[in-house]
């Protein structure tokens, strides 16, 4: 059936291990509440349910364990009303407020936590962000001296930037140099020293580091390359900046980079904007940390740093998009939608944010809102390929196939000379044409996609299954599906396609094993279960067939499949095939003997 739609990081994780997400609140504290799980998770904060403060604590813990930051904020606030100096409550509340993006509220709670004698990474991050936002670098150093820590690596980088903010440049560069000599952390020290030098106007020194002339080369992130391009421009070396961008970013793939390249090519002196002051530098520290542990640490730990970065530099769209993506990963689609909405229409990456906002709206169960976002985006930026593709995908998701086809047509017109990676455009349009029963057009698109990229299992499977389902070119279809199975031998959809191809060829015994394997992998899929029933019927196992058809009915099939399942249960598969004018089943012996 078709597919349904020791490294640096490890060193940083040593710091992350001391970060205790709220999901690990003391068991004893939870046990003391006497509140049931239903009471904690089922009642909304602020409702009339007579929960005790301890019950609110439990509810907050449950919400936090589910990364439901908005609910956790309400429950922690309620619990703190009766116990405002409880360190465990305060720490959990700090993270919950950070999770929702309320950095000011988190800072107030962090100061209360500090006053209560609590020193935690979460609270320290909130305090650093608050102090940096107010350019109070002395406060950052004072809190560090008092024992506040956000983790060794972050502490050292923040201290260096705070010293720079106080005008103690030589001490700052010494601190960066010390980190640059620490095994595994060289890149952090060198990169931040380069940014510090550039922020002070020493573009030559910064470029020597970023180019590798000073201490050997290192891999730059996208943001690091933008910084390098800006520095080269300040050194009146625009052609070198353009050449660097050309080597790393094909034209048309990144609108922000394209805009920067255009300015550089025009000879414009591009200012250095990545880090303008010490607060920007501290924001960059948080962003560096979030990127370094992304995918390795708990998402809440990564979000903690990404939120701080976006708070200090709301114009760092990469940080905002990282926040939104982490929230989506944690299932917080409403908060993700809010984060995506923070990217202004004037930003070069606005279309990326809007596509993300649409996807988050789909995931939150608001498909109409998602479609409205995509339609508005297409009206404003319909000349961007990704926008037309997103609109087409969204319409296909809602089974609005005519509108989807129109958007795919527009997208494909934007690619006069398709490259191998454009196979997915033709594949997607083919899927829509197939759904509209425009089978010739669908097959043409699938074959165009295969010409661009011949070994895509998803494509081979879909075309093979489509041909099998139509009863056309069955031998060729079987060959395609077999190729797909070789590439993805554990895929339920592909195994189902293989079994169904054998079934349509009359090779019922051969069909049994792959469809049974598919059913094991897709145990509650109505179509696969229906197929299994048909194969059982074809080999004479009629009671088992009826059982599978009953199961398929319980899995929410569409109306057409449900009606056919009921007919088969009432009259048997042979009678249904005869009524449909389809070829009768072959005798099992003949099927087994088929080549």
Protein backbone atom coordinates (compact mmCIF):
# COMPACT_ATOMS: atom_id res chain seq x y z
CA UNK A 1 0.00 0.00 0.00
CA UNK A 2 1.22 3.61 -0.41
CA UNK A 3 3.21 5.18 2.39
CA UNK A 4 1.32 7.17 4.99
CA UNK A 5 2.11 10.52 5.16
CA UNK A 6 33.47 12.29 23.11
CA UNK A 7 32.06 15.09 21.02
CA UNK A 8 31.41 18.69 22.00
CA UNK A 9 27.78 17.75 22.50
CA UNK A 10 28.77 15.00 24.92
CA UNK A 11 30.93 17.38 26.92
CA UNK A 12 28.06 19.84 27.12
CA UNK A 13 25.77 17.02 28.21
CA UNK A 14 27.89 16.69 31.33
CA UNK A 15 26.45 20.04 32.30
CA UNK A 16 22.99 19.00 31.17
CA UNK A 17 23.01 16.00 33.50
CA UNK A 18 22.76 18.30 36.48
CA UNK A 19 19.64 19.90 35.02
CA UNK A 20 16.62 18.20 36.55
CA UNK A 21 13.43 18.72 34.54
CA UNK A 22 10.29 19.04 36.61
CA UNK A 23 9.21 15.57 35.53
CA UNK A 24 11.64 14.24 38.16
CA UNK A 25 10.03 15.96 41.15
CA UNK A 26 10.49 14.01 44.42
CA UNK A 27 8.21 11.01 44.61
CA UNK A 28 7.57 11.66 48.28
CA UNK A 29 6.29 15.14 47.53
CA UNK A 30 3.86 13.71 44.99
CA UNK A 31 2.71 10.96 47.31
CA UNK A 32 1.83 13.42 50.05
CA UNK A 33 -0.85 15.07 47.92
CA UNK A 34 -3.41 12.30 48.09
CA UNK A 35 -4.73 13.56 44.72
CA UNK A 36 -5.56 11.02 42.05
CA UNK A 37 -4.10 11.16 38.56
CA UNK A 38 -7.55 12.06 37.28
CA UNK A 39 -7.78 14.99 39.65
CA UNK A 40 -4.32 16.22 38.70
CA UNK A 41 -4.59 15.81 34.99
CA UNK A 42 -8.31 16.19 34.45
CA UNK A 43 -9.15 19.47 36.16
CA UNK A 44 -8.16 22.77 34.63
CA UNK A 45 -6.28 25.23 36.80
CA UNK A 46 -8.65 27.81 38.18
CA UNK A 47 -11.65 25.47 38.01
CA UNK A 48 -14.00 24.82 40.89
CA UNK A 49 -12.38 21.48 41.74
CA UNK A 50 -11.36 21.68 45.41
CA UNK A 51 -7.72 20.66 44.99
CA UNK A 52 -5.31 21.24 47.86
CA UNK A 53 -2.01 23.04 47.35
CA UNK A 54 -0.37 19.62 47.35
CA UNK A 55 -2.81 18.50 44.67
CA UNK A 56 -1.88 21.54 42.60
CA UNK A 57 1.77 20.51 43.02
CA UNK A 58 0.96 17.08 41.64
CA UNK A 59 -1.03 18.58 38.77
CA UNK A 60 1.90 20.85 37.96
CA UNK A 61 4.26 17.87 37.97
CA UNK A 62 2.00 15.93 35.62
CA UNK A 63 1.70 18.92 33.27
CA UNK A 64 5.47 19.40 33.32
CA UNK A 65 6.12 15.72 32.61
CA UNK A 66 3.99 16.18 29.49
CA UNK A 67 5.80 19.42 28.56
CA UNK A 68 2.46 21.21 28.92
CA UNK A 69 4.07 24.46 30.01
CA UNK A 70 0.91 26.58 29.85
CA UNK A 71 -0.98 24.28 32.22
CA UNK A 72 2.09 23.92 34.43
CA UNK A 73 2.32 27.70 34.83
CA UNK A 74 -1.24 27.84 36.14
CA UNK A 75 -0.79 24.93 38.54
CA UNK A 76 2.57 26.14 39.87
CA UNK A 77 1.18 29.62 40.42
CA UNK A 78 -1.68 28.07 42.36
CA UNK A 79 0.62 25.89 44.45
CA UNK A 80 2.96 28.81 45.16
CA UNK A 81 0.02 30.78 46.52
CA UNK A 82 0.16 28.62 49.62
CA UNK A 83 3.90 27.89 49.70
CA UNK A 84 5.71 30.80 48.00
CA UNK A 85 9.21 29.86 49.19
CA UNK A 86 9.20 26.17 48.24
CA UNK A 87 12.39 25.66 46.15
CA UNK A 88 11.03 22.67 44.22
CA UNK A 89 7.89 24.58 43.29
CA UNK A 90 9.88 27.66 42.36
CA UNK A 91 12.28 25.74 40.13
CA UNK A 92 9.44 24.00 38.34
CA UNK A 93 7.63 27.30 37.92
CA UNK A 94 10.73 28.94 36.46
CA UNK A 95 10.99 26.27 33.74
CA UNK A 96 7.26 26.38 33.05
CA UNK A 97 7.37 30.15 32.54
CA UNK A 98 10.43 29.83 30.30
CA UNK A 99 8.62 27.14 28.33
CA UNK A 100 5.77 29.55 27.59
CA UNK A 101 8.21 32.33 26.69
CA UNK A 102 7.53 34.43 29.79
CA UNK A 103 11.15 35.24 30.57
CA UNK A 104 10.28 38.20 32.79
CA UNK A 105 8.03 36.04 34.94
CA UNK A 106 10.71 33.35 35.05
CA UNK A 107 13.28 35.89 36.27
CA UNK A 108 11.03 37.05 39.12
CA UNK A 109 10.53 33.46 40.23
CA UNK A 110 14.27 32.78 39.87
CA UNK A 111 15.02 35.67 42.23
CA UNK A 112 12.53 34.23 44.71
CA UNK A 113 14.24 30.85 44.31
CA UNK A 114 17.60 32.50 44.92
CA UNK A 115 16.26 34.20 48.06
CA UNK A 116 15.01 30.81 49.28
CA UNK A 117 18.54 29.43 48.97
CA UNK A 118 17.95 27.57 45.72
CA UNK A 119 20.75 27.51 43.14
CA UNK A 120 19.74 25.67 39.97
CA UNK A 121 20.74 25.79 36.32
CA UNK A 122 17.22 26.73 35.34
CA UNK A 123 17.10 29.65 37.73
CA UNK A 124 20.59 30.81 36.80
CA UNK A 125 19.74 30.86 33.09
CA UNK A 126 16.68 32.99 33.84
CA UNK A 127 18.78 35.40 35.93
CA UNK A 128 21.53 35.68 33.31
CA UNK A 129 18.97 36.43 30.61
CA UNK A 130 17.30 39.05 32.80
CA UNK A 131 20.59 40.73 33.76
CA UNK A 132 21.84 40.69 30.17
CA UNK A 133 18.58 42.19 28.90
CA UNK A 134 19.19 45.12 31.27
CA UNK A 135 22.91 45.28 30.35
CA UNK A 136 23.70 44.61 34.02
CA UNK A 137 26.93 42.70 33.48
CA UNK A 138 28.16 43.36 37.01
CA UNK A 139 25.12 41.49 38.35
CA UNK A 140 26.01 38.48 36.21
CA UNK A 141 29.52 38.34 37.65
CA UNK A 142 28.20 38.88 41.18
CA UNK A 143 25.75 35.99 40.89
CA UNK A 144 28.47 33.72 39.51
CA UNK A 145 30.75 34.66 42.40
CA UNK A 146 27.94 33.73 44.80
CA UNK A 147 27.80 30.22 43.36
CA UNK A 148 25.17 30.54 40.66
CA UNK A 149 25.93 28.22 37.75
CA UNK A 150 24.32 27.37 34.44
CA UNK A 151 26.95 24.76 33.62
CA UNK A 152 30.72 25.08 33.27
CA UNK A 153 30.90 25.87 29.55
CA UNK A 154 28.09 28.40 29.61
CA UNK A 155 29.43 29.99 32.80
CA UNK A 156 32.86 30.61 31.28
CA UNK A 157 31.52 32.05 28.04
CA UNK A 158 28.99 34.28 29.79
CA UNK A 159 31.65 35.53 32.22
CA UNK A 160 33.91 36.48 29.31
CA UNK A 161 31.13 38.41 27.57
CA UNK A 162 30.13 40.10 30.84
CA UNK A 163 33.70 41.30 31.30
CA UNK A 164 33.67 42.64 27.75
CA UNK A 165 30.46 44.46 28.57
CA UNK A 166 32.22 46.10 31.52
CA UNK A 167 35.05 47.25 29.26
CA UNK A 168 37.51 44.60 30.44
CA UNK A 169 38.39 43.43 26.93
CA UNK A 170 41.76 41.90 27.74
CA UNK A 171 40.24 39.74 30.49
CA UNK A 172 37.51 38.66 28.09
CA UNK A 173 39.92 37.60 25.36
CA UNK A 174 42.06 35.75 27.92
CA UNK A 175 38.98 33.80 28.98
CA UNK A 176 38.14 32.92 25.36
CA UNK A 177 41.77 31.89 24.78
CA UNK A 178 41.65 29.61 27.82
CA UNK A 179 38.58 27.85 26.47
CA UNK A 180 40.15 27.60 23.02
CA UNK A 181 42.96 25.57 24.61
CA UNK A 182 40.53 23.15 26.28
CA UNK A 183 40.26 19.90 24.36
CA UNK A 184 36.84 19.53 22.79
CA UNK A 185 35.88 23.15 23.39
CA UNK A 186 38.29 24.81 20.98
CA UNK A 187 35.55 25.82 18.56
CA UNK A 188 33.55 27.56 21.28
CA UNK A 189 36.49 29.59 22.47
CA UNK A 190 37.69 30.56 19.01
CA UNK A 191 34.26 31.39 17.62
CA UNK A 192 33.25 33.60 20.52
CA UNK A 193 36.63 35.32 20.58
CA UNK A 194 36.19 36.14 16.89
CA UNK A 195 32.74 37.57 17.57
CA UNK A 196 34.10 39.58 20.48
CA UNK A 197 36.90 41.04 18.38
CA UNK A 198 34.49 41.92 15.58
CA UNK A 199 32.08 43.56 18.03
CA UNK A 200 35.00 45.75 19.15
CA UNK A 201 35.91 46.64 15.55
CA UNK A 202 38.93 44.33 15.20
CA UNK A 203 37.76 42.74 11.96
CA UNK A 204 41.27 41.65 10.95
CA UNK A 205 41.67 39.66 14.15
CA UNK A 206 38.21 38.17 13.81
CA UNK A 207 38.77 37.15 10.20
CA UNK A 208 42.12 35.55 11.05
CA UNK A 209 40.31 33.28 13.52
CA UNK A 210 37.30 32.43 11.36
CA UNK A 211 39.43 31.74 8.29
CA UNK A 212 41.66 29.38 10.26
CA UNK A 213 44.79 31.48 9.78
CA UNK A 214 45.23 32.06 13.50
CA UNK A 215 44.64 28.64 15.02
CA UNK A 216 43.56 26.20 12.32
CA UNK A 217 40.24 25.88 10.59
CA UNK A 218 36.96 24.75 12.09
CA UNK A 219 33.50 24.09 10.73
CA UNK A 220 31.28 27.16 10.71
CA UNK A 221 27.53 27.07 11.17
CA UNK A 222 25.23 28.97 8.84
CA UNK A 223 25.20 31.84 11.33
CA UNK A 224 28.99 31.70 11.54
CA UNK A 225 29.21 32.05 7.77
CA UNK A 226 26.93 35.08 7.84
CA UNK A 227 29.21 36.59 10.49
CA UNK A 228 32.25 35.86 8.33
CA UNK A 229 30.64 37.45 5.28
CA UNK A 230 29.81 40.59 7.25
CA UNK A 231 33.35 40.76 8.62
CA UNK A 232 34.85 40.38 5.14
CA UNK A 233 32.60 43.17 3.91
CA UNK A 234 33.85 45.44 6.69
CA UNK A 235 37.36 44.64 5.45
CA UNK A 236 36.28 45.70 1.92
CA UNK A 237 36.61 42.11 0.67
CA UNK A 238 33.10 41.61 -0.69
CA UNK A 239 34.16 39.30 -3.56
CA UNK A 240 35.67 36.85 -1.05
CA UNK A 241 32.48 36.95 0.98
CA UNK A 242 30.40 36.22 -2.13
CA UNK A 243 32.70 33.35 -3.09
CA UNK A 244 32.33 31.82 0.39
CA UNK A 245 28.55 32.05 0.22
CA UNK A 246 28.53 30.58 -3.30
CA UNK A 247 30.55 27.58 -2.11
CA UNK A 248 28.13 26.81 0.68
CA UNK A 249 24.68 28.08 -0.36
CA UNK A 250 23.24 27.50 -3.85
CA UNK A 251 21.30 30.46 -5.18
CA UNK A 252 17.60 30.18 -4.43
CA UNK A 253 17.90 27.82 -1.46
CA UNK A 254 18.07 30.44 1.30
CA UNK A 255 16.40 33.82 0.82
CA UNK A 256 18.29 35.48 3.67
CA UNK A 257 21.61 34.36 2.21
CA UNK A 258 20.47 35.41 -1.26
CA UNK A 259 19.68 38.92 0.02
CA UNK A 260 23.08 39.14 1.71
CA UNK A 261 24.80 37.91 -1.46
CA UNK A 262 22.95 40.54 -3.51
CA UNK A 263 24.13 43.35 -1.23
CA UNK A 264 27.69 42.08 -1.30
CA UNK A 265 27.69 41.67 -5.08
CA UNK A 266 26.43 45.24 -5.43
CA UNK A 267 29.49 46.42 -3.52
CA UNK A 268 27.52 47.54 -0.49
CA UNK A 269 29.47 47.71 2.80
CA UNK A 270 27.48 45.30 4.96
CA UNK A 271 27.67 46.10 8.69
CA UNK A 272 28.55 43.49 11.29
CA UNK A 273 25.26 42.69 13.04
CA UNK A 274 25.64 39.19 14.46
CA UNK A 275 27.03 40.54 17.73
CA UNK A 276 26.79 44.27 18.36
CA UNK A 277 27.47 44.27 22.10
CA UNK A 278 27.96 42.02 25.11
CA UNK A 279 24.26 41.24 25.44
CA UNK A 280 24.24 39.99 21.86
CA UNK A 281 27.30 37.92 22.73
CA UNK A 282 25.52 36.30 25.67
CA UNK A 283 22.54 35.62 23.40
CA UNK A 284 24.96 33.91 21.03
CA UNK A 285 26.25 31.78 23.93
CA UNK A 286 22.75 30.50 24.63
CA UNK A 287 22.17 29.87 20.93
CA UNK A 288 25.49 28.01 20.63
CA UNK A 289 24.58 25.85 23.61
CA UNK A 290 21.10 25.06 22.28
CA UNK A 291 22.47 24.02 18.90
CA UNK A 292 25.29 21.98 20.43
CA UNK A 293 23.00 19.79 22.55
CA UNK A 294 20.05 19.70 20.17
CA UNK A 295 19.02 16.12 19.58
CA UNK A 296 21.29 14.89 22.37
CA UNK A 297 19.90 16.44 25.56
CA UNK A 298 16.34 16.48 26.86
CA UNK A 299 14.29 18.85 24.66
CA UNK A 300 13.39 20.89 27.76
CA UNK A 301 17.08 21.55 28.38
CA UNK A 302 17.59 22.66 24.80
CA UNK A 303 14.46 24.80 24.96
CA UNK A 304 15.75 26.50 28.11
CA UNK A 305 18.72 27.89 26.18
CA UNK A 306 16.87 28.53 22.93
CA UNK A 307 14.25 30.61 24.76
CA UNK A 308 17.00 32.69 26.40
CA UNK A 309 18.68 33.25 23.03
CA UNK A 310 15.45 34.34 21.36
CA UNK A 311 14.57 36.59 24.31
CA UNK A 312 17.86 38.46 24.11
CA UNK A 313 17.90 38.54 20.29
CA UNK A 314 14.31 38.40 19.00
CA UNK A 315 15.69 39.28 15.56
CA UNK A 316 17.67 36.00 15.50
CA UNK A 317 15.13 34.12 13.43
CA UNK A 318 17.16 30.92 13.68
CA UNK A 319 16.69 30.98 17.45
CA UNK A 320 12.96 31.68 17.14
CA UNK A 321 12.53 28.82 14.66
CA UNK A 322 14.54 26.55 16.94
CA UNK A 323 12.20 27.38 19.83
CA UNK A 324 9.16 26.66 17.68
CA UNK A 325 10.60 23.38 16.44
CA UNK A 326 11.41 22.21 19.96
CA UNK A 327 7.88 23.02 21.09
CA UNK A 328 6.48 21.01 18.18
CA UNK A 329 8.77 18.14 19.12
CA UNK A 330 7.28 18.21 22.61
CA UNK A 331 3.72 18.27 21.27
CA UNK A 332 3.08 21.87 22.32
CA UNK A 333 1.56 22.95 19.04
CA UNK A 334 -0.27 26.02 20.33
CA UNK A 335 2.92 27.42 21.84
CA UNK A 336 4.79 26.53 18.65
CA UNK A 337 2.20 28.44 16.63
CA UNK A 338 2.76 31.48 18.85
CA UNK A 339 6.53 31.21 18.43
CA UNK A 340 6.33 30.99 14.64
CA UNK A 341 4.06 34.06 14.65
CA UNK A 342 6.87 36.12 16.21
CA UNK A 343 8.74 36.22 12.89
CA UNK A 344 7.70 39.47 11.15
CA UNK A 345 6.56 39.61 7.50
CA UNK A 346 9.64 41.69 6.66
CA UNK A 347 11.99 38.86 7.64
CA UNK A 348 13.57 36.90 4.79
CA UNK A 349 12.58 33.68 6.55
CA UNK A 350 8.96 34.70 7.11
CA UNK A 351 7.74 32.06 4.67
CA UNK A 352 9.55 29.34 6.62
CA UNK A 353 7.91 30.51 9.83
CA UNK A 354 4.48 30.62 8.21
CA UNK A 355 4.86 27.12 6.81
CA UNK A 356 5.86 26.01 10.31
CA UNK A 357 2.86 27.82 11.78
CA UNK A 358 0.61 26.03 9.32
CA UNK A 359 2.09 22.63 10.18
CA UNK A 360 1.67 23.35 13.89
CA UNK A 361 -1.95 24.35 13.27
CA UNK A 362 -2.56 21.08 11.44
CA UNK A 363 -1.03 19.18 14.36
CA UNK A 364 -3.18 21.13 16.82
CA UNK A 365 -6.33 20.01 14.98
CA UNK A 366 -7.03 23.32 13.24
CA UNK A 367 -6.84 22.37 9.55
CA UNK A 368 -8.92 25.30 8.31
CA UNK A 369 -6.63 27.77 10.08
CA UNK A 370 -3.64 25.95 8.61
CA UNK A 371 -5.03 26.25 5.09
CA UNK A 372 -5.82 29.94 5.61
CA UNK A 373 -2.21 30.55 6.61
CA UNK A 374 -0.95 28.83 3.47
CA UNK A 375 -3.39 30.64 1.20
CA UNK A 376 -2.40 34.00 2.65
CA UNK A 377 1.26 33.13 2.27
CA UNK A 378 0.72 32.11 -1.35
CA UNK A 379 -1.00 35.41 -2.10
CA UNK A 380 1.95 37.35 -0.68
CA UNK A 381 4.84 35.09 -1.69
CA UNK A 382 3.52 32.83 -4.42
CA UNK A 383 6.78 33.21 -6.32
CA UNK A 384 8.62 31.07 -3.74
CA UNK A 385 8.78 27.38 -4.63
CA UNK A 386 8.53 26.18 -1.02
CA UNK A 387 5.34 28.18 -0.57
CA UNK A 388 3.58 26.58 -3.54
CA UNK A 389 4.72 23.14 -2.42
CA UNK A 390 3.47 23.75 1.12
CA UNK A 391 0.10 24.92 -0.21
CA UNK A 392 -0.14 21.87 -2.46
CA UNK A 393 0.79 19.54 0.39
CA UNK A 394 -1.74 21.18 2.69
CA UNK A 395 -4.55 20.90 0.16
CA UNK A 396 -3.64 17.26 -0.47
CA UNK A 397 -3.71 16.63 3.27
CA UNK A 398 -7.29 17.91 3.35
CA UNK A 399 -8.19 15.89 0.24
CA UNK A 400 -8.81 19.07 -1.73
CA UNK A 401 -7.15 17.44 -4.69
CA UNK A 402 -8.16 19.87 -7.45
CA UNK A 403 -6.64 22.78 -5.54
CA UNK A 404 -3.63 20.69 -4.63
CA UNK A 405 -3.03 19.80 -8.27
CA UNK A 406 -3.18 23.46 -9.26
CA UNK A 407 -0.54 24.36 -6.66
CA UNK A 408 1.74 21.49 -7.72
CA UNK A 409 1.41 22.68 -11.33
CA UNK A 410 2.53 26.15 -10.24
CA UNK A 411 5.45 24.70 -8.30
CA UNK A 412 6.67 22.54 -11.18
CA UNK A 413 6.51 25.51 -13.56
CA UNK A 414 9.08 27.20 -11.31
CA UNK A 415 11.57 24.41 -12.05
CA UNK A 416 12.30 24.59 -15.79
CA UNK A 417 15.25 22.20 -15.47
CA UNK A 418 14.45 19.68 -12.74
CA UNK A 419 17.34 18.24 -10.72
CA UNK A 420 17.33 14.79 -9.09
CA UNK A 421 16.05 16.24 -5.81
CA UNK A 422 12.95 17.53 -7.61
CA UNK A 423 11.65 13.97 -8.06
CA UNK A 424 9.38 14.53 -5.07
CA UNK A 425 7.48 17.29 -6.91
CA UNK A 426 6.47 14.94 -9.70
CA UNK A 427 5.81 12.13 -7.24
CA UNK A 428 3.51 14.33 -5.16
CA UNK A 429 1.61 15.60 -8.18
CA UNK A 430 1.30 12.01 -9.35
CA UNK A 431 -0.25 11.01 -6.04
CA UNK A 432 -2.85 13.76 -6.40
CA UNK A 433 -3.61 12.80 -10.01
CA UNK A 434 -3.97 9.19 -8.88
CA UNK A 435 -6.49 10.25 -6.23
CA UNK A 436 -8.41 12.13 -8.93
CA UNK A 437 -8.37 8.92 -11.01
CA UNK A 438 -6.30 10.65 -13.69
CA UNK A 439 -4.27 7.49 -14.01
CA UNK A 440 -2.37 8.26 -17.20
CA UNK A 441 -1.27 11.65 -15.88
CA UNK A 442 -0.32 10.08 -12.57
CA UNK A 443 1.77 7.38 -14.22
CA UNK A 444 3.52 9.98 -16.39
CA UNK A 445 4.48 11.98 -13.30
CA UNK A 446 5.66 8.88 -11.45
CA UNK A 447 7.83 7.86 -14.38
CA UNK A 448 9.25 11.39 -14.64
CA UNK A 449 10.10 11.17 -10.95
CA UNK A 450 11.75 7.77 -11.52
CA UNK A 451 13.83 9.22 -14.34
CA UNK A 452 15.14 11.87 -11.94
CA UNK A 453 15.75 9.49 -9.03
CA UNK A 454 15.23 5.82 -9.92
CA UNK A 455 15.81 4.24 -6.51
CA UNK A 456 13.26 5.89 -4.24
CA UNK A 457 11.41 3.09 -2.38
CA UNK A 458 8.42 5.31 -1.64
CA UNK A 459 8.03 6.11 -5.33
CA UNK A 460 8.56 2.53 -6.51
CA UNK A 461 6.04 1.29 -3.98
CA UNK A 462 3.36 3.85 -4.81
CA UNK A 463 3.55 3.38 -8.57
CA UNK A 464 3.74 -0.39 -8.20
CA UNK A 465 0.75 -0.47 -5.87
CA UNK A 466 -1.24 1.90 -8.07
CA UNK A 467 -0.70 -0.30 -11.12
CA UNK A 468 -1.59 -3.41 -9.13
CA UNK A 469 -4.75 -1.80 -7.79
CA UNK A 470 -5.78 -0.92 -11.35
CA UNK A 471 -4.91 -4.42 -12.57
CA UNK A 472 -2.40 -2.97 -15.08
CA UNK A 473 1.19 -3.95 -15.93
CA UNK A 474 1.23 -6.37 -13.03
CA UNK A 475 4.58 -7.99 -13.78
CA UNK A 476 6.34 -4.61 -14.02
CA UNK A 477 4.54 -3.44 -10.89
CA UNK A 478 5.68 -6.54 -9.00
CA UNK A 479 9.27 -5.83 -10.03
CA UNK A 480 9.06 -2.26 -8.73
CA UNK A 481 7.66 -3.38 -5.41
CA UNK A 482 10.32 -6.09 -5.04
CA UNK A 483 12.99 -3.41 -5.53
CA UNK A 484 11.32 -1.33 -2.84
CA UNK A 485 11.24 -4.33 -0.48
CA UNK A 486 14.99 -4.84 -0.94
CA UNK A 487 15.59 -1.24 0.14
CA UNK A 488 13.06 -1.28 3.00
CA UNK A 489 12.46 -4.89 4.03
CA UNK A 490 10.70 -3.95 7.28
CA UNK A 491 8.22 -1.48 5.82
CA UNK A 492 4.62 -2.48 6.46
CA UNK A 493 3.20 -0.52 3.50
CA UNK A 494 5.73 -2.01 1.08
CA UNK A 495 5.19 -5.55 2.35
CA UNK A 496 1.45 -5.05 1.91
CA UNK A 497 2.04 -3.87 -1.65
CA UNK A 498 4.13 -6.96 -2.40
CA UNK A 499 1.49 -9.30 -1.02
CA UNK A 500 -1.28 -7.48 -2.85
CA UNK A 501 0.65 -7.68 -6.11
CA UNK A 502 0.97 -11.45 -5.69
CA UNK A 503 -2.74 -11.64 -4.90
CA UNK A 504 -3.70 -9.69 -8.02
CA UNK A 505 -1.47 -12.00 -10.06
CA UNK A 506 -3.34 -14.99 -8.59
CA UNK A 507 -0.33 -16.13 -6.55
CA UNK A 508 -2.26 -16.39 -3.32
CA UNK A 509 0.16 -18.64 -1.45
CA UNK A 510 3.02 -16.25 -2.22
CA UNK A 511 0.85 -13.37 -1.01
CA UNK A 512 0.32 -14.86 2.46
CA UNK A 513 3.69 -14.21 4.11
CA UNK A 514 4.25 -10.56 3.08
CA UNK A 515 0.68 -9.54 3.92
CA UNK A 516 0.84 -11.32 7.28
CA UNK A 517 4.11 -9.48 7.97
CA UNK A 518 2.51 -6.20 6.92
CA UNK A 519 -0.42 -6.88 9.23
CA UNK A 520 1.93 -7.44 12.16
CA UNK A 521 3.54 -4.06 11.50
CA UNK A 522 0.26 -2.24 10.80
CA UNK A 523 -2.06 -4.10 13.12
CA UNK A 524 -4.88 -1.53 13.13
CA UNK A 525 -4.82 -0.51 9.47
CA UNK A 526 -8.18 -1.22 7.84
CA UNK A 527 -6.81 -1.62 4.30
CA UNK A 528 -4.02 -4.04 5.23
CA UNK A 529 -6.41 -6.07 7.39
CA UNK A 530 -8.92 -6.18 4.51
CA UNK A 531 -6.18 -7.42 2.19
CA UNK A 532 -5.24 -10.13 4.68
CA UNK A 533 -8.86 -11.28 4.79
CA UNK A 534 -9.02 -11.48 1.00
CA UNK A 535 -5.86 -13.59 0.84
CA UNK A 536 -7.14 -15.93 3.54
CA UNK A 537 -10.37 -16.34 1.58
CA UNK A 538 -8.46 -17.03 -1.62
CA UNK A 539 -6.49 -19.88 -0.02
CA UNK A 540 -9.60 -21.41 1.51
CA UNK A 541 -9.24 -20.10 5.08
CA UNK A 542 -12.70 -18.55 5.08
CA UNK A 543 -13.35 -18.28 8.81
CA UNK A 544 -10.04 -16.47 9.27
CA UNK A 545 -10.96 -14.21 6.35
CA UNK A 546 -14.25 -13.25 7.96
CA UNK A 547 -12.48 -12.55 11.24
CA UNK A 548 -10.05 -10.19 9.48
CA UNK A 549 -12.90 -8.36 7.71
CA UNK A 550 -14.64 -7.89 11.05
CA UNK A 551 -11.39 -6.48 12.43
CA UNK A 552 -11.01 -4.15 9.46
CA UNK A 553 -14.50 -2.77 10.08
CA UNK A 554 -13.49 -1.88 13.64
CA UNK A 555 -10.52 0.21 12.45
CA UNK A 556 -12.52 3.09 10.99
CA UNK A 557 -12.40 2.42 7.23
CA UNK A 558 -13.81 4.99 4.83
CA UNK A 559 -17.42 4.57 3.72
CA UNK A 560 -16.56 2.81 0.47
CA UNK A 561 -14.33 0.21 2.11
CA UNK A 562 -16.77 -0.28 4.99
CA UNK A 563 -19.62 -1.03 2.57
CA UNK A 564 -17.49 -3.54 0.68
CA UNK A 565 -16.41 -5.24 3.91
CA UNK A 566 -20.05 -5.68 4.95
CA UNK A 567 -20.90 -7.18 1.58
CA UNK A 568 -18.06 -9.66 1.87
CA UNK A 569 -19.20 -10.66 5.34
CA UNK A 570 -22.75 -11.10 4.08
CA UNK A 571 -22.14 -12.84 0.75
CA UNK A 572 -18.48 -13.85 0.59
CA UNK A 573 -15.65 -12.54 -1.57
CA UNK A 574 -16.56 -14.64 -4.62
CA UNK A 575 -20.04 -13.13 -4.81
CA UNK A 576 -18.70 -9.59 -4.37
CA UNK A 577 -16.17 -10.06 -7.18
CA UNK A 578 -18.88 -11.44 -9.45
CA UNK A 579 -21.17 -8.49 -8.70
CA UNK A 580 -18.32 -6.09 -9.50
CA UNK A 581 -17.62 -7.83 -12.80
CA UNK A 582 -14.12 -8.75 -11.65
CA UNK A 583 -12.29 -11.91 -12.60
CA UNK A 584 -13.06 -14.81 -10.27
CA UNK A 585 -10.45 -16.16 -7.90
CA UNK A 586 -8.22 -18.86 -9.27
CA UNK A 587 -8.34 -22.31 -7.72
CA UNK A 588 -5.73 -22.53 -4.97
CA UNK A 589 -3.91 -25.34 -6.74
CA UNK A 590 -3.66 -23.32 -9.93
CA UNK A 591 -2.59 -20.26 -7.98
CA UNK A 592 0.15 -22.20 -6.27
CA UNK A 593 1.40 -23.52 -9.59
CA UNK A 594 1.50 -20.11 -11.27
CA UNK A 595 5.03 -19.00 -12.35
